[in-house]
Amino acid sequence: MAQIKTEKQYKAACDRINELLKVVNNNTPTDDKNFLELDLLSDFVADYEEEHYPIAAPTLVETLKLRMYEMGLTQTKLAEMLGLSTARISEIITGKGEPSLKTGREISRKLNIDPAIVLGV
């Protein structure tokens, strides 16, 4: 098998990977035939998924919501942290408004969000 070319092959490879995961573990030698097959199939599936199921970069709204969840922040606490009104934070979080450059810098710095996500590039 050189690569996965069809959805049918992709599904069969995924099924085989699931079977192999039941027998391969952290103690399996790297020269074991099941380990080697799992390694190869995983690479083929990853290549197929990269081409046919690409993962888009997260939006600022998605990233903000996730970071707020991770940090246990409410909109009010986030507004205080960034020195903005709760109404302005609401606009940004709902996607109805974009942050200014200054606010974008603060979001990036204080929430540790990649500037490319904040700028949407």
Protein backbone atom coordinates (compact mmCIF):
# COMPACT_ATOMS: atom_id res chain seq x y z
CA MET A 1 0.00 0.00 0.00
CA ALA A 2 1.59 3.26 -1.10
CA GLN A 3 -1.14 5.63 0.01
CA ILE A 4 -4.84 5.82 0.74
CA LYS A 5 -6.75 7.01 -2.32
CA THR A 6 -10.43 6.40 -1.56
CA GLU A 7 -12.84 6.88 1.30
CA LYS A 8 -13.38 3.11 1.40
CA GLN A 9 -9.64 2.52 1.87
CA TYR A 10 -9.58 5.26 4.51
CA LYS A 11 -12.39 3.65 6.52
CA ALA A 12 -10.77 0.22 6.25
CA ALA A 13 -7.46 1.66 7.47
CA CYS A 14 -9.20 3.35 10.42
CA ASP A 15 -10.92 0.09 11.32
CA ARG A 16 -7.58 -1.74 11.20
CA ILE A 17 -5.95 0.94 13.35
CA ASN A 18 -8.68 0.44 15.96
CA GLU A 19 -7.99 -3.31 15.92
CA LEU A 20 -4.25 -2.77 16.28
CA LEU A 21 -4.70 -0.33 19.16
CA LYS A 22 -6.20 -3.20 21.15
CA VAL A 23 -3.00 -5.26 20.86
CA VAL A 24 -0.26 -2.61 20.73
CA ASN A 25 0.70 -0.81 23.94
CA ASN A 26 3.63 1.10 25.44
CA ASN A 27 5.49 -2.17 26.07
CA THR A 28 5.24 -3.40 22.49
CA PRO A 29 8.69 -3.57 20.85
CA THR A 30 9.16 -1.18 17.95
CA ASP A 31 10.12 -4.09 15.68
CA ASP A 32 6.86 -5.97 16.39
CA LYS A 33 4.82 -6.52 13.20
CA ASN A 34 1.66 -5.06 14.76
CA PHE A 35 3.55 -1.98 15.92
CA LEU A 36 5.06 -1.49 12.47
CA GLU A 37 1.70 -1.92 10.75
CA LEU A 38 0.07 0.55 13.14
CA ASP A 39 2.85 3.06 12.53
CA LEU A 40 2.54 2.80 8.74
CA LEU A 41 -1.25 2.90 8.68
CA SER A 42 -1.28 5.88 11.03
CA ASP A 43 0.98 7.81 8.66
CA PHE A 44 -1.20 6.91 5.65
CA VAL A 45 -4.37 7.96 7.49
CA ALA A 46 -2.78 11.21 8.65
CA ASP A 47 -1.75 12.05 5.07
CA TYR A 48 -5.25 11.28 3.77
CA GLU A 49 -6.92 13.34 6.52
CA GLU A 50 -4.60 16.27 5.93
CA GLU A 51 -5.67 16.37 2.28
CA HIS A 52 -9.38 15.52 2.61
CA TYR A 53 -10.28 16.74 6.10
CA PRO A 54 -8.09 19.78 6.76
CA ILE A 55 -8.45 21.47 10.11
CA ALA A 56 -8.98 25.19 9.77
CA ALA A 57 -7.17 27.58 12.07
CA PRO A 58 -9.32 28.58 15.05
CA THR A 59 -11.08 31.93 14.99
CA LEU A 60 -10.54 34.58 17.63
CA VAL A 61 -14.06 33.98 18.96
CA GLU A 62 -13.48 30.22 19.33
CA THR A 63 -10.10 30.78 20.95
CA LEU A 64 -11.41 33.42 23.35
CA LYS A 65 -14.26 31.18 24.48
CA LEU A 66 -11.87 28.28 25.02
CA ARG A 67 -9.35 30.41 26.92
CA MET A 68 -12.12 31.90 29.09
CA TYR A 69 -13.27 28.36 29.93
CA GLU A 70 -9.72 27.22 30.68
CA MET A 71 -9.05 30.22 32.92
CA GLY A 72 -12.48 30.21 34.57
CA LEU A 73 -13.24 33.73 33.33
CA THR A 74 -16.64 35.28 32.93
CA GLN A 75 -17.23 38.10 30.47
CA THR A 76 -17.17 40.51 33.39
CA LYS A 77 -13.82 39.24 34.66
CA LEU A 78 -12.39 39.29 31.14
CA ALA A 79 -13.60 42.86 30.67
CA GLU A 80 -11.88 43.89 33.91
CA MET A 81 -8.68 42.09 32.93
CA LEU A 82 -8.55 43.88 29.57
CA GLY A 83 -9.86 47.23 30.81
CA LEU A 84 -12.94 47.13 28.58
CA SER A 85 -16.67 47.38 29.15
CA THR A 86 -18.69 44.18 29.32
CA ALA A 87 -20.66 45.38 26.29
CA ARG A 88 -17.44 45.69 24.26
CA ILE A 89 -16.28 42.22 25.35
CA SER A 90 -19.68 40.85 24.38
CA GLU A 91 -19.32 42.36 20.88
CA ILE A 92 -15.91 40.71 20.45
CA ILE A 93 -16.98 37.33 21.85
CA THR A 94 -20.08 37.15 19.66
CA GLY A 95 -18.11 38.17 16.58
CA LYS A 96 -20.12 41.36 16.10
CA GLY A 97 -17.03 43.50 16.59
CA GLU A 98 -13.28 43.20 16.30
CA PRO A 99 -10.76 44.32 18.90
CA SER A 100 -8.67 47.40 18.32
CA LEU A 101 -4.95 46.89 17.84
CA LYS A 102 -4.32 47.89 21.46
CA THR A 103 -6.99 45.50 22.73
CA GLY A 104 -5.66 42.78 20.44
CA ARG A 105 -2.23 43.15 22.00
CA GLU A 106 -3.72 42.86 25.48
CA ILE A 107 -5.74 39.78 24.49
CA SER A 108 -2.63 38.17 23.07
CA ARG A 109 -0.45 39.04 26.03
CA LYS A 110 -2.82 38.46 28.94
CA LEU A 111 -4.58 35.39 27.56
CA ASN A 112 -1.53 33.92 25.83
CA ILE A 113 -3.24 33.76 22.44
CA ASP A 114 -1.11 33.69 19.29
CA PRO A 115 -1.12 37.15 17.67
CA ALA A 116 -1.91 35.55 14.29
CA ILE A 117 -5.22 34.30 15.71
CA VAL A 118 -6.01 37.70 17.20
CA LEU A 119 -5.28 39.38 13.86
CA GLY A 120 -7.11 36.70 11.88
CA VAL A 121 -4.16 35.88 9.63
